[in-house]
mmCIF file of all heavy atoms, coordinates in Angstrom:
data_MODEL
# 
_entry.id   MODEL 
# 
loop_
_atom_site.group_PDB 
_atom_site.id 
_atom_site.type_symbol 
_atom_site.label_atom_id 
_atom_site.label_alt_id 
_atom_site.label_comp_id 
_atom_site.label_asym_id 
_atom_site.label_entity_id 
_atom_site.label_seq_id 
_atom_site.pdbx_PDB_ins_code 
_atom_site.Cartn_x 
_atom_site.Cartn_y 
_atom_site.Cartn_z 
_atom_site.occupancy 
_atom_site.B_iso_or_equiv 
_atom_site.pdbx_formal_charge 
_atom_site.auth_seq_id 
_atom_site.auth_comp_id 
_atom_site.auth_asym_id 
_atom_site.auth_atom_id 
_atom_site.pdbx_PDB_model_num 
ATOM 1   N N   . ASN A 1 1  ? 21.759 39.914 92.092  1.00 0.00 ? 1  ASN A N   1 
ATOM 2   C CA  . ASN A 1 1  ? 22.237 40.280 93.428  1.00 0.00 ? 1  ASN A CA  1 
ATOM 3   C C   . ASN A 1 1  ? 21.615 39.381 94.492  1.00 0.00 ? 1  ASN A C   1 
ATOM 4   O O   . ASN A 1 1  ? 22.304 38.912 95.416  1.00 0.00 ? 1  ASN A O   1 
ATOM 5   C CB  . ASN A 1 1  ? 21.895 41.747 93.728  1.00 0.00 ? 1  ASN A CB  1 
ATOM 6   C CG  . ASN A 1 1  ? 22.747 42.709 92.935  1.00 0.00 ? 1  ASN A CG  1 
ATOM 7   O OD1 . ASN A 1 1  ? 23.932 42.486 92.727  1.00 0.00 ? 1  ASN A OD1 1 
ATOM 8   N ND2 . ASN A 1 1  ? 22.151 43.803 92.494  1.00 0.00 ? 1  ASN A ND2 1 
ATOM 9   N N   . TYR A 1 2  ? 20.324 39.135 94.374  1.00 0.00 ? 2  TYR A N   1 
ATOM 10  C CA  . TYR A 1 2  ? 19.654 38.291 95.367  1.00 0.00 ? 2  TYR A CA  1 
ATOM 11  C C   . TYR A 1 2  ? 20.075 36.827 95.243  1.00 0.00 ? 2  TYR A C   1 
ATOM 12  O O   . TYR A 1 2  ? 20.137 36.101 96.244  1.00 0.00 ? 2  TYR A O   1 
ATOM 13  C CB  . TYR A 1 2  ? 18.134 38.452 95.266  1.00 0.00 ? 2  TYR A CB  1 
ATOM 14  C CG  . TYR A 1 2  ? 17.675 39.734 95.918  1.00 0.00 ? 2  TYR A CG  1 
ATOM 15  C CD1 . TYR A 1 2  ? 17.374 40.857 95.149  1.00 0.00 ? 2  TYR A CD1 1 
ATOM 16  C CD2 . TYR A 1 2  ? 17.585 39.844 97.304  1.00 0.00 ? 2  TYR A CD2 1 
ATOM 17  C CE1 . TYR A 1 2  ? 16.982 42.055 95.743  1.00 0.00 ? 2  TYR A CE1 1 
ATOM 18  C CE2 . TYR A 1 2  ? 17.194 41.036 97.902  1.00 0.00 ? 2  TYR A CE2 1 
ATOM 19  C CZ  . TYR A 1 2  ? 16.893 42.131 97.119  1.00 0.00 ? 2  TYR A CZ  1 
ATOM 20  O OH  . TYR A 1 2  ? 16.521 43.319 97.713  1.00 0.00 ? 2  TYR A OH  1 
ATOM 21  N N   . ARG A 1 3  ? 20.367 36.403 94.046  1.00 0.00 ? 3  ARG A N   1 
ATOM 22  C CA  . ARG A 1 3  ? 20.874 35.044 93.865  1.00 0.00 ? 3  ARG A CA  1 
ATOM 23  C C   . ARG A 1 3  ? 22.223 34.894 94.583  1.00 0.00 ? 3  ARG A C   1 
ATOM 24  O O   . ARG A 1 3  ? 22.455 33.906 95.299  1.00 0.00 ? 3  ARG A O   1 
ATOM 25  C CB  . ARG A 1 3  ? 21.017 34.747 92.371  1.00 0.00 ? 3  ARG A CB  1 
ATOM 26  C CG  . ARG A 1 3  ? 21.754 33.451 92.055  1.00 0.00 ? 3  ARG A CG  1 
ATOM 27  C CD  . ARG A 1 3  ? 20.972 32.196 92.432  1.00 0.00 ? 3  ARG A CD  1 
ATOM 28  N NE  . ARG A 1 3  ? 21.794 31.007 92.239  1.00 0.00 ? 3  ARG A NE  1 
ATOM 29  C CZ  . ARG A 1 3  ? 21.994 30.410 91.060  1.00 0.00 ? 3  ARG A CZ  1 
ATOM 30  N NH1 . ARG A 1 3  ? 21.428 30.906 89.961  1.00 0.00 ? 3  ARG A NH1 1 
ATOM 31  N NH2 . ARG A 1 3  ? 22.737 29.336 90.984  1.00 0.00 ? 3  ARG A NH2 1 
ATOM 32  N N   . LEU A 1 4  ? 23.095 35.868 94.422  1.00 0.00 ? 4  LEU A N   1 
ATOM 33  C CA  . LEU A 1 4  ? 24.393 35.814 95.097  1.00 0.00 ? 4  LEU A CA  1 
ATOM 34  C C   . LEU A 1 4  ? 24.235 35.850 96.613  1.00 0.00 ? 4  LEU A C   1 
ATOM 35  O O   . LEU A 1 4  ? 24.928 35.128 97.339  1.00 0.00 ? 4  LEU A O   1 
ATOM 36  C CB  . LEU A 1 4  ? 25.277 36.974 94.627  1.00 0.00 ? 4  LEU A CB  1 
ATOM 37  C CG  . LEU A 1 4  ? 25.885 36.822 93.235  1.00 0.00 ? 4  LEU A CG  1 
ATOM 38  C CD1 . LEU A 1 4  ? 26.449 38.161 92.758  1.00 0.00 ? 4  LEU A CD1 1 
ATOM 39  C CD2 . LEU A 1 4  ? 26.988 35.759 93.239  1.00 0.00 ? 4  LEU A CD2 1 
ATOM 40  N N   . LEU A 1 5  ? 23.340 36.686 97.083  1.00 0.00 ? 5  LEU A N   1 
ATOM 41  C CA  . LEU A 1 5  ? 23.101 36.762 98.521  1.00 0.00 ? 5  LEU A CA  1 
ATOM 42  C C   . LEU A 1 5  ? 22.623 35.414 99.055  1.00 0.00 ? 5  LEU A C   1 
ATOM 43  O O   . LEU A 1 5  ? 23.079 34.942 100.104 1.00 0.00 ? 5  LEU A O   1 
ATOM 44  C CB  . LEU A 1 5  ? 22.073 37.859 98.816  1.00 0.00 ? 5  LEU A CB  1 
ATOM 45  C CG  . LEU A 1 5  ? 21.786 38.172 100.286 1.00 0.00 ? 5  LEU A CG  1 
ATOM 46  C CD1 . LEU A 1 5  ? 23.044 38.645 101.000 1.00 0.00 ? 5  LEU A CD1 1 
ATOM 47  C CD2 . LEU A 1 5  ? 20.688 39.228 100.383 1.00 0.00 ? 5  LEU A CD2 1 
ATOM 48  N N   . SER A 1 6  ? 21.731 34.784 98.326  1.00 0.00 ? 6  SER A N   1 
ATOM 49  C CA  . SER A 1 6  ? 21.220 33.473 98.729  1.00 0.00 ? 6  SER A CA  1 
ATOM 50  C C   . SER A 1 6  ? 22.300 32.400 98.689  1.00 0.00 ? 6  SER A C   1 
ATOM 51  O O   . SER A 1 6  ? 22.299 31.467 99.505  1.00 0.00 ? 6  SER A O   1 
ATOM 52  C CB  . SER A 1 6  ? 20.062 33.063 97.810  1.00 0.00 ? 6  SER A CB  1 
ATOM 53  O OG  . SER A 1 6  ? 19.567 31.786 98.139  1.00 0.00 ? 6  SER A OG  1 
ATOM 54  N N   . ASP A 1 7  ? 23.251 32.551 97.762  1.00 0.00 ? 7  ASP A N   1 
ATOM 55  C CA  . ASP A 1 7  ? 24.279 31.532 97.555  1.00 0.00 ? 7  ASP A CA  1 
ATOM 56  C C   . ASP A 1 7  ? 25.576 31.791 98.315  1.00 0.00 ? 7  ASP A C   1 
ATOM 57  O O   . ASP A 1 7  ? 26.604 31.162 98.033  1.00 0.00 ? 7  ASP A O   1 
ATOM 58  C CB  . ASP A 1 7  ? 24.602 31.428 96.054  1.00 0.00 ? 7  ASP A CB  1 
ATOM 59  C CG  . ASP A 1 7  ? 23.493 30.754 95.265  1.00 0.00 ? 7  ASP A CG  1 
ATOM 60  O OD1 . ASP A 1 7  ? 22.609 30.143 95.883  1.00 0.00 ? 7  ASP A OD1 1 
ATOM 61  O OD2 . ASP A 1 7  ? 23.504 30.866 94.020  1.00 0.00 ? 7  ASP A OD2 1 
ATOM 62  N N   . LEU A 1 8  ? 25.557 32.676 99.299  1.00 0.00 ? 8  LEU A N   1 
ATOM 63  C CA  . LEU A 1 8  ? 26.779 32.949 100.062 1.00 0.00 ? 8  LEU A CA  1 
ATOM 64  C C   . LEU A 1 8  ? 27.398 31.694 100.685 1.00 0.00 ? 8  LEU A C   1 
ATOM 65  O O   . LEU A 1 8  ? 28.635 31.564 100.695 1.00 0.00 ? 8  LEU A O   1 
ATOM 66  C CB  . LEU A 1 8  ? 26.510 33.984 101.154 1.00 0.00 ? 8  LEU A CB  1 
ATOM 67  C CG  . LEU A 1 8  ? 26.363 35.442 100.717 1.00 0.00 ? 8  LEU A CG  1 
ATOM 68  C CD1 . LEU A 1 8  ? 26.302 36.346 101.942 1.00 0.00 ? 8  LEU A CD1 1 
ATOM 69  C CD2 . LEU A 1 8  ? 27.483 35.872 99.794  1.00 0.00 ? 8  LEU A CD2 1 
ATOM 70  N N   . PRO A 1 9  ? 26.606 30.753 101.206 1.00 0.00 ? 9  PRO A N   1 
ATOM 71  C CA  . PRO A 1 9  ? 27.242 29.544 101.749 1.00 0.00 ? 9  PRO A CA  1 
ATOM 72  C C   . PRO A 1 9  ? 28.081 28.795 100.714 1.00 0.00 ? 9  PRO A C   1 
ATOM 73  O O   . PRO A 1 9  ? 29.149 28.259 101.037 1.00 0.00 ? 9  PRO A O   1 
ATOM 74  C CB  . PRO A 1 9  ? 26.047 28.704 102.228 1.00 0.00 ? 9  PRO A CB  1 
ATOM 75  C CG  . PRO A 1 9  ? 25.001 29.715 102.558 1.00 0.00 ? 9  PRO A CG  1 
ATOM 76  C CD  . PRO A 1 9  ? 25.156 30.781 101.492 1.00 0.00 ? 9  PRO A CD  1 
ATOM 77  N N   . TYR A 1 10 ? 27.608 28.767 99.470  1.00 0.00 ? 10 TYR A N   1 
ATOM 78  C CA  . TYR A 1 10 ? 28.384 28.116 98.406  1.00 0.00 ? 10 TYR A CA  1 
ATOM 79  C C   . TYR A 1 10 ? 29.714 28.844 98.203  1.00 0.00 ? 10 TYR A C   1 
ATOM 80  O O   . TYR A 1 10 ? 30.775 28.207 98.093  1.00 0.00 ? 10 TYR A O   1 
ATOM 81  C CB  . TYR A 1 10 ? 27.593 28.112 97.101  1.00 0.00 ? 10 TYR A CB  1 
ATOM 82  C CG  . TYR A 1 10 ? 28.426 27.756 95.891  1.00 0.00 ? 10 TYR A CG  1 
ATOM 83  C CD1 . TYR A 1 10 ? 28.730 26.437 95.589  1.00 0.00 ? 10 TYR A CD1 1 
ATOM 84  C CD2 . TYR A 1 10 ? 28.935 28.761 95.060  1.00 0.00 ? 10 TYR A CD2 1 
ATOM 85  C CE1 . TYR A 1 10 ? 29.520 26.110 94.489  1.00 0.00 ? 10 TYR A CE1 1 
ATOM 86  C CE2 . TYR A 1 10 ? 29.717 28.450 93.965  1.00 0.00 ? 10 TYR A CE2 1 
ATOM 87  C CZ  . TYR A 1 10 ? 30.020 27.120 93.678  1.00 0.00 ? 10 TYR A CZ  1 
ATOM 88  O OH  . TYR A 1 10 ? 30.803 26.815 92.599  1.00 0.00 ? 10 TYR A OH  1 
ATOM 89  N N   . LEU A 1 11 ? 29.676 30.175 98.143  1.00 0.00 ? 11 LEU A N   1 
ATOM 90  C CA  . LEU A 1 11 ? 30.899 30.949 97.926  1.00 0.00 ? 11 LEU A CA  1 
ATOM 91  C C   . LEU A 1 11 ? 31.857 30.814 99.105  1.00 0.00 ? 11 LEU A C   1 
ATOM 92  O O   . LEU A 1 11 ? 33.078 30.732 98.922  1.00 0.00 ? 11 LEU A O   1 
ATOM 93  C CB  . LEU A 1 11 ? 30.551 32.423 97.691  1.00 0.00 ? 11 LEU A CB  1 
ATOM 94  C CG  . LEU A 1 11 ? 29.801 32.723 96.388  1.00 0.00 ? 11 LEU A CG  1 
ATOM 95  C CD1 . LEU A 1 11 ? 29.399 34.194 96.335  1.00 0.00 ? 11 LEU A CD1 1 
ATOM 96  C CD2 . LEU A 1 11 ? 30.639 32.348 95.169  1.00 0.00 ? 11 LEU A CD2 1 
ATOM 97  N N   . THR A 1 12 ? 31.312 30.774 100.313 1.00 0.00 ? 12 THR A N   1 
ATOM 98  C CA  . THR A 1 12 ? 32.153 30.589 101.496 1.00 0.00 ? 12 THR A CA  1 
ATOM 99  C C   . THR A 1 12 ? 32.883 29.257 101.440 1.00 0.00 ? 12 THR A C   1 
ATOM 100 O O   . THR A 1 12 ? 34.090 29.175 101.721 1.00 0.00 ? 12 THR A O   1 
ATOM 101 C CB  . THR A 1 12 ? 31.297 30.659 102.776 1.00 0.00 ? 12 THR A CB  1 
ATOM 102 O OG1 . THR A 1 12 ? 30.634 31.921 102.833 1.00 0.00 ? 12 THR A OG1 1 
ATOM 103 C CG2 . THR A 1 12 ? 32.156 30.499 104.019 1.00 0.00 ? 12 THR A CG2 1 
ATOM 104 N N   . GLU A 1 13 ? 32.165 28.212 101.072 1.00 0.00 ? 13 GLU A N   1 
ATOM 105 C CA  . GLU A 1 13 ? 32.763 26.879 100.995 1.00 0.00 ? 13 GLU A CA  1 
ATOM 106 C C   . GLU A 1 13 ? 33.778 26.793 99.858  1.00 0.00 ? 13 GLU A C   1 
ATOM 107 O O   . GLU A 1 13 ? 34.851 26.182 100.005 1.00 0.00 ? 13 GLU A O   1 
ATOM 108 C CB  . GLU A 1 13 ? 31.662 25.832 100.798 1.00 0.00 ? 13 GLU A CB  1 
ATOM 109 C CG  . GLU A 1 13 ? 32.162 24.395 100.751 1.00 0.00 ? 13 GLU A CG  1 
ATOM 110 C CD  . GLU A 1 13 ? 32.726 23.924 102.075 1.00 0.00 ? 13 GLU A CD  1 
ATOM 111 O OE1 . GLU A 1 13 ? 32.381 24.514 103.119 1.00 0.00 ? 13 GLU A OE1 1 
ATOM 112 O OE2 . GLU A 1 13 ? 33.515 22.959 102.065 1.00 0.00 ? 13 GLU A OE2 1 
ATOM 113 N N   . LEU A 1 14 ? 33.466 27.407 98.726  1.00 0.00 ? 14 LEU A N   1 
ATOM 114 C CA  . LEU A 1 14 ? 34.358 27.364 97.568  1.00 0.00 ? 14 LEU A CA  1 
ATOM 115 C C   . LEU A 1 14 ? 35.641 28.151 97.808  1.00 0.00 ? 14 LEU A C   1 
ATOM 116 O O   . LEU A 1 14 ? 36.748 27.669 97.514  1.00 0.00 ? 14 LEU A O   1 
ATOM 117 C CB  . LEU A 1 14 ? 33.641 27.928 96.339  1.00 0.00 ? 14 LEU A CB  1 
ATOM 118 C CG  . LEU A 1 14 ? 34.489 28.094 95.071  1.00 0.00 ? 14 LEU A CG  1 
ATOM 119 C CD1 . LEU A 1 14 ? 34.839 26.727 94.485  1.00 0.00 ? 14 LEU A CD1 1 
ATOM 120 C CD2 . LEU A 1 14 ? 33.749 28.946 94.038  1.00 0.00 ? 14 LEU A CD2 1 
ATOM 121 N N   . LEU A 1 15 ? 35.518 29.359 98.317  1.00 0.00 ? 15 LEU A N   1 
ATOM 122 C CA  . LEU A 1 15 ? 36.640 30.292 98.380  1.00 0.00 ? 15 LEU A CA  1 
ATOM 123 C C   . LEU A 1 15 ? 37.411 30.216 99.690  1.00 0.00 ? 15 LEU A C   1 
ATOM 124 O O   . LEU A 1 15 ? 38.592 30.576 99.728  1.00 0.00 ? 15 LEU A O   1 
ATOM 125 C CB  . LEU A 1 15 ? 36.127 31.723 98.149  1.00 0.00 ? 15 LEU A CB  1 
ATOM 126 C CG  . LEU A 1 15 ? 35.384 31.921 96.823  1.00 0.00 ? 15 LEU A CG  1 
ATOM 127 C CD1 . LEU A 1 15 ? 34.753 33.309 96.766  1.00 0.00 ? 15 LEU A CD1 1 
ATOM 128 C CD2 . LEU A 1 15 ? 36.314 31.706 95.631  1.00 0.00 ? 15 LEU A CD2 1 
ATOM 129 N N   . ARG A 1 16 ? 36.751 29.820 100.758 1.00 0.00 ? 16 ARG A N   1 
ATOM 130 C CA  . ARG A 1 16 ? 37.391 29.661 102.068 1.00 0.00 ? 16 ARG A CA  1 
ATOM 131 C C   . ARG A 1 16 ? 38.138 30.924 102.501 1.00 0.00 ? 16 ARG A C   1 
ATOM 132 O O   . ARG A 1 16 ? 39.283 30.871 102.950 1.00 0.00 ? 16 ARG A O   1 
ATOM 133 C CB  . ARG A 1 16 ? 38.300 28.425 102.081 1.00 0.00 ? 16 ARG A CB  1 
ATOM 134 C CG  . ARG A 1 16 ? 37.528 27.142 101.818 1.00 0.00 ? 16 ARG A CG  1 
ATOM 135 C CD  . ARG A 1 16 ? 38.357 25.900 102.048 1.00 0.00 ? 16 ARG A CD  1 
ATOM 136 N NE  . ARG A 1 16 ? 37.557 24.701 101.839 1.00 0.00 ? 16 ARG A NE  1 
ATOM 137 C CZ  . ARG A 1 16 ? 36.750 24.151 102.738 1.00 0.00 ? 16 ARG A CZ  1 
ATOM 138 N NH1 . ARG A 1 16 ? 36.629 24.718 103.938 1.00 0.00 ? 16 ARG A NH1 1 
ATOM 139 N NH2 . ARG A 1 16 ? 36.051 23.072 102.464 1.00 0.00 ? 16 ARG A NH2 1 
ATOM 140 N N   . ARG A 1 17 ? 37.464 32.014 102.340 1.00 0.00 ? 17 ARG A N   1 
ATOM 141 C CA  . ARG A 1 17 ? 37.968 33.316 102.781 1.00 0.00 ? 17 ARG A CA  1 
ATOM 142 C C   . ARG A 1 17 ? 36.824 34.076 103.457 1.00 0.00 ? 17 ARG A C   1 
ATOM 143 O O   . ARG A 1 17 ? 35.649 33.806 103.184 1.00 0.00 ? 17 ARG A O   1 
ATOM 144 C CB  . ARG A 1 17 ? 38.462 34.152 101.591 1.00 0.00 ? 17 ARG A CB  1 
ATOM 145 C CG  . ARG A 1 17 ? 39.647 33.603 100.831 1.00 0.00 ? 17 ARG A CG  1 
ATOM 146 C CD  . ARG A 1 17 ? 40.926 33.638 101.666 1.00 0.00 ? 17 ARG A CD  1 
ATOM 147 N NE  . ARG A 1 17 ? 42.099 33.333 100.862 1.00 0.00 ? 17 ARG A NE  1 
ATOM 148 C CZ  . ARG A 1 17 ? 42.464 32.127 100.455 1.00 0.00 ? 17 ARG A CZ  1 
ATOM 149 N NH1 . ARG A 1 17 ? 41.712 31.081 100.774 1.00 0.00 ? 17 ARG A NH1 1 
ATOM 150 N NH2 . ARG A 1 17 ? 43.541 31.944 99.729  1.00 0.00 ? 17 ARG A NH2 1 
ATOM 151 N N   . PRO A 1 18 ? 37.143 35.036 104.317 1.00 0.00 ? 18 PRO A N   1 
ATOM 152 C CA  . PRO A 1 18 ? 36.077 35.897 104.846 1.00 0.00 ? 18 PRO A CA  1 
ATOM 153 C C   . PRO A 1 18 ? 35.362 36.596 103.694 1.00 0.00 ? 18 PRO A C   1 
ATOM 154 O O   . PRO A 1 18 ? 35.998 37.035 102.733 1.00 0.00 ? 18 PRO A O   1 
ATOM 155 C CB  . PRO A 1 18 ? 36.839 36.905 105.716 1.00 0.00 ? 18 PRO A CB  1 
ATOM 156 C CG  . PRO A 1 18 ? 38.163 36.279 105.992 1.00 0.00 ? 18 PRO A CG  1 
ATOM 157 C CD  . PRO A 1 18 ? 38.487 35.422 104.815 1.00 0.00 ? 18 PRO A CD  1 
ATOM 158 N N   . ILE A 1 19 ? 34.043 36.684 103.786 1.00 0.00 ? 19 ILE A N   1 
ATOM 159 C CA  . ILE A 1 19 ? 33.259 37.318 102.732 1.00 0.00 ? 19 ILE A CA  1 
ATOM 160 C C   . ILE A 1 19 ? 32.702 38.646 103.230 1.00 0.00 ? 19 ILE A C   1 
ATOM 161 O O   . ILE A 1 19 ? 32.069 38.718 104.290 1.00 0.00 ? 19 ILE A O   1 
ATOM 162 C CB  . ILE A 1 19 ? 32.119 36.405 102.253 1.00 0.00 ? 19 ILE A CB  1 
ATOM 163 C CG1 . ILE A 1 19 ? 32.711 35.209 101.501 1.00 0.00 ? 19 ILE A CG1 1 
ATOM 164 C CG2 . ILE A 1 19 ? 31.147 37.167 101.357 1.00 0.00 ? 19 ILE A CG2 1 
ATOM 165 C CD1 . ILE A 1 19 ? 31.693 34.328 100.821 1.00 0.00 ? 19 ILE A CD1 1 
ATOM 166 N N   . LEU A 1 20 ? 32.963 39.678 102.463 1.00 0.00 ? 20 LEU A N   1 
ATOM 167 C CA  . LEU A 1 20 ? 32.435 41.014 102.733 1.00 0.00 ? 20 LEU A CA  1 
ATOM 168 C C   . LEU A 1 20 ? 31.174 41.220 101.900 1.00 0.00 ? 20 LEU A C   1 
ATOM 169 O O   . LEU A 1 20 ? 31.150 40.890 100.717 1.00 0.00 ? 20 LEU A O   1 
ATOM 170 C CB  . LEU A 1 20 ? 33.478 42.073 102.386 1.00 0.00 ? 20 LEU A CB  1 
ATOM 171 C CG  . LEU A 1 20 ? 33.125 43.546 102.640 1.00 0.00 ? 20 LEU A CG  1 
ATOM 172 C CD1 . LEU A 1 20 ? 34.395 44.351 102.921 1.00 0.00 ? 20 LEU A CD1 1 
ATOM 173 C CD2 . LEU A 1 20 ? 32.377 44.177 101.469 1.00 0.00 ? 20 LEU A CD2 1 
ATOM 174 N N   . ILE A 1 21 ? 30.149 41.766 102.531 1.00 0.00 ? 21 ILE A N   1 
ATOM 175 C CA  . ILE A 1 21 ? 28.919 42.083 101.826 1.00 0.00 ? 21 ILE A CA  1 
ATOM 176 C C   . ILE A 1 21 ? 28.655 43.587 101.949 1.00 0.00 ? 21 ILE A C   1 
ATOM 177 O O   . ILE A 1 21 ? 28.601 44.126 103.057 1.00 0.00 ? 21 ILE A O   1 
ATOM 178 C CB  . ILE A 1 21 ? 27.723 41.287 102.387 1.00 0.00 ? 21 ILE A CB  1 
ATOM 179 C CG1 . ILE A 1 21 ? 27.866 39.813 102.031 1.00 0.00 ? 21 ILE A CG1 1 
ATOM 180 C CG2 . ILE A 1 21 ? 26.402 41.841 101.852 1.00 0.00 ? 21 ILE A CG2 1 
ATOM 181 C CD1 . ILE A 1 21 ? 27.847 39.518 100.539 1.00 0.00 ? 21 ILE A CD1 1 
ATOM 182 N N   . GLY A 1 22 ? 28.507 44.230 100.799 1.00 0.00 ? 22 GLY A N   1 
ATOM 183 C CA  . GLY A 1 22 ? 28.196 45.655 100.758 1.00 0.00 ? 22 GLY A CA  1 
ATOM 184 C C   . GLY A 1 22 ? 26.908 45.875 99.975  1.00 0.00 ? 22 GLY A C   1 
ATOM 185 O O   . GLY A 1 22 ? 26.928 45.898 98.743  1.00 0.00 ? 22 GLY A O   1 
ATOM 186 N N   . LEU A 1 23 ? 25.807 45.991 100.697 1.00 0.00 ? 23 LEU A N   1 
ATOM 187 C CA  . LEU A 1 23 ? 24.516 46.215 100.034 1.00 0.00 ? 23 LEU A CA  1 
ATOM 188 C C   . LEU A 1 23 ? 23.780 47.427 100.593 1.00 0.00 ? 23 LEU A C   1 
ATOM 189 O O   . LEU A 1 23 ? 22.647 47.713 100.215 1.00 0.00 ? 23 LEU A O   1 
ATOM 190 C CB  . LEU A 1 23 ? 23.641 44.952 100.139 1.00 0.00 ? 23 LEU A CB  1 
ATOM 191 C CG  . LEU A 1 23 ? 23.454 44.308 101.521 1.00 0.00 ? 23 LEU A CG  1 
ATOM 192 C CD1 . LEU A 1 23 ? 22.548 45.091 102.438 1.00 0.00 ? 23 LEU A CD1 1 
ATOM 193 C CD2 . LEU A 1 23 ? 22.937 42.884 101.361 1.00 0.00 ? 23 LEU A CD2 1 
ATOM 194 N N   . SER A 1 24 ? 24.466 48.164 101.462 1.00 0.00 ? 24 SER A N   1 
ATOM 195 C CA  . SER A 1 24 ? 23.830 49.267 102.180 1.00 0.00 ? 24 SER A CA  1 
ATOM 196 C C   . SER A 1 24 ? 23.183 50.273 101.239 1.00 0.00 ? 24 SER A C   1 
ATOM 197 O O   . SER A 1 24 ? 23.864 50.900 100.417 1.00 0.00 ? 24 SER A O   1 
ATOM 198 C CB  . SER A 1 24 ? 24.877 49.974 103.053 1.00 0.00 ? 24 SER A CB  1 
ATOM 199 O OG  . SER A 1 24 ? 24.308 51.047 103.762 1.00 0.00 ? 24 SER A OG  1 
ATOM 200 N N   . ARG A 1 25 ? 21.850 50.385 101.325 1.00 0.00 ? 25 ARG A N   1 
ATOM 201 C CA  . ARG A 1 25 ? 21.055 51.384 100.621 1.00 0.00 ? 25 ARG A CA  1 
ATOM 202 C C   . ARG A 1 25 ? 21.173 51.300 99.092  1.00 0.00 ? 25 ARG A C   1 
ATOM 203 O O   . ARG A 1 25 ? 20.905 52.271 98.386  1.00 0.00 ? 25 ARG A O   1 
ATOM 204 C CB  . ARG A 1 25 ? 21.408 52.804 101.112 1.00 0.00 ? 25 ARG A CB  1 
ATOM 205 C CG  . ARG A 1 25 ? 21.123 53.018 102.598 1.00 0.00 ? 25 ARG A CG  1 
ATOM 206 C CD  . ARG A 1 25 ? 21.472 54.427 103.028 1.00 0.00 ? 25 ARG A CD  1 
ATOM 207 N NE  . ARG A 1 25 ? 21.264 54.658 104.445 1.00 0.00 ? 25 ARG A NE  1 
ATOM 208 C CZ  . ARG A 1 25 ? 20.145 55.153 104.982 1.00 0.00 ? 25 ARG A CZ  1 
ATOM 209 N NH1 . ARG A 1 25 ? 19.124 55.443 104.215 1.00 0.00 ? 25 ARG A NH1 1 
ATOM 210 N NH2 . ARG A 1 25 ? 20.059 55.359 106.294 1.00 0.00 ? 25 ARG A NH2 1 
ATOM 211 N N   . LYS A 1 26 ? 21.582 50.145 98.568  1.00 0.00 ? 26 LYS A N   1 
ATOM 212 C CA  . LYS A 1 26 ? 21.802 50.001 97.134  1.00 0.00 ? 26 LYS A CA  1 
ATOM 213 C C   . LYS A 1 26 ? 20.495 49.789 96.371  1.00 0.00 ? 26 LYS A C   1 
ATOM 214 O O   . LYS A 1 26 ? 19.442 49.515 96.947  1.00 0.00 ? 26 LYS A O   1 
ATOM 215 C CB  . LYS A 1 26 ? 22.776 48.854 96.855  1.00 0.00 ? 26 LYS A CB  1 
ATOM 216 C CG  . LYS A 1 26 ? 24.223 49.200 97.168  1.00 0.00 ? 26 LYS A CG  1 
ATOM 217 C CD  . LYS A 1 26 ? 25.166 48.084 96.759  1.00 0.00 ? 26 LYS A CD  1 
ATOM 218 C CE  . LYS A 1 26 ? 26.624 48.502 96.966  1.00 0.00 ? 26 LYS A CE  1 
ATOM 219 N NZ  . LYS A 1 26 ? 27.564 47.409 96.606  1.00 0.00 ? 26 LYS A NZ  1 
ATOM 220 N N   . SER A 1 27 ? 20.615 49.840 95.035  1.00 0.00 ? 27 SER A N   1 
ATOM 221 C CA  . SER A 1 27 ? 19.428 49.743 94.183  1.00 0.00 ? 27 SER A CA  1 
ATOM 222 C C   . SER A 1 27 ? 18.767 48.377 94.256  1.00 0.00 ? 27 SER A C   1 
ATOM 223 O O   . SER A 1 27 ? 17.583 48.246 93.933  1.00 0.00 ? 27 SER A O   1 
ATOM 224 C CB  . SER A 1 27 ? 19.785 50.072 92.729  1.00 0.00 ? 27 SER A CB  1 
ATOM 225 O OG  . SER A 1 27 ? 20.738 49.154 92.216  1.00 0.00 ? 27 SER A OG  1 
ATOM 226 N N   . MET A 1 28 ? 19.485 47.336 94.659  1.00 0.00 ? 28 MET A N   1 
ATOM 227 C CA  . MET A 1 28 ? 18.841 46.032 94.831  1.00 0.00 ? 28 MET A CA  1 
ATOM 228 C C   . MET A 1 28 ? 17.773 46.093 95.922  1.00 0.00 ? 28 MET A C   1 
ATOM 229 O O   . MET A 1 28 ? 16.889 45.234 95.975  1.00 0.00 ? 28 MET A O   1 
ATOM 230 C CB  . MET A 1 28 ? 19.872 44.949 95.149  1.00 0.00 ? 28 MET A CB  1 
ATOM 231 C CG  . MET A 1 28 ? 20.597 45.128 96.473  1.00 0.00 ? 28 MET A CG  1 
ATOM 232 S SD  . MET A 1 28 ? 21.767 43.765 96.839  1.00 0.00 ? 28 MET A SD  1 
ATOM 233 C CE  . MET A 1 28 ? 20.637 42.456 97.357  1.00 0.00 ? 28 MET A CE  1 
ATOM 234 N N   . LEU A 1 29 ? 17.860 47.104 96.776  1.00 0.00 ? 29 LEU A N   1 
ATOM 235 C CA  . LEU A 1 29 ? 16.855 47.335 97.811  1.00 0.00 ? 29 LEU A CA  1 
ATOM 236 C C   . LEU A 1 29 ? 15.839 48.390 97.389  1.00 0.00 ? 29 LEU A C   1 
ATOM 237 O O   . LEU A 1 29 ? 14.639 48.229 97.613  1.00 0.00 ? 29 LEU A O   1 
ATOM 238 C CB  . LEU A 1 29 ? 17.532 47.773 99.108  1.00 0.00 ? 29 LEU A CB  1 
ATOM 239 C CG  . LEU A 1 29 ? 18.662 46.883 99.632  1.00 0.00 ? 29 LEU A CG  1 
ATOM 240 C CD1 . LEU A 1 29 ? 19.292 47.505 100.864 1.00 0.00 ? 29 LEU A CD1 1 
ATOM 241 C CD2 . LEU A 1 29 ? 18.154 45.488 99.939  1.00 0.00 ? 29 LEU A CD2 1 
ATOM 242 N N   . THR A 1 30 ? 16.327 49.452 96.774  1.00 0.00 ? 30 THR A N   1 
ATOM 243 C CA  . THR A 1 30 ? 15.425 50.567 96.466  1.00 0.00 ? 30 THR A CA  1 
ATOM 244 C C   . THR A 1 30 ? 14.502 50.288 95.289  1.00 0.00 ? 30 THR A C   1 
ATOM 245 O O   . THR A 1 30 ? 13.348 50.731 95.285  1.00 0.00 ? 30 THR A O   1 
ATOM 246 C CB  . THR A 1 30 ? 16.230 51.851 96.186  1.00 0.00 ? 30 THR A CB  1 
ATOM 247 O OG1 . THR A 1 30 ? 17.098 51.641 95.055  1.00 0.00 ? 30 THR A OG1 1 
ATOM 248 C CG2 . THR A 1 30 ? 17.076 52.240 97.396  1.00 0.00 ? 30 THR A CG2 1 
# 
């Protein structure tokens, strides 16, 4: 999960679409 969060610029450039992030209160935090 943290790798993907760090790599959002790569995904933005690759996919060229708005990116939604849903991490609110999830286990990657808890």
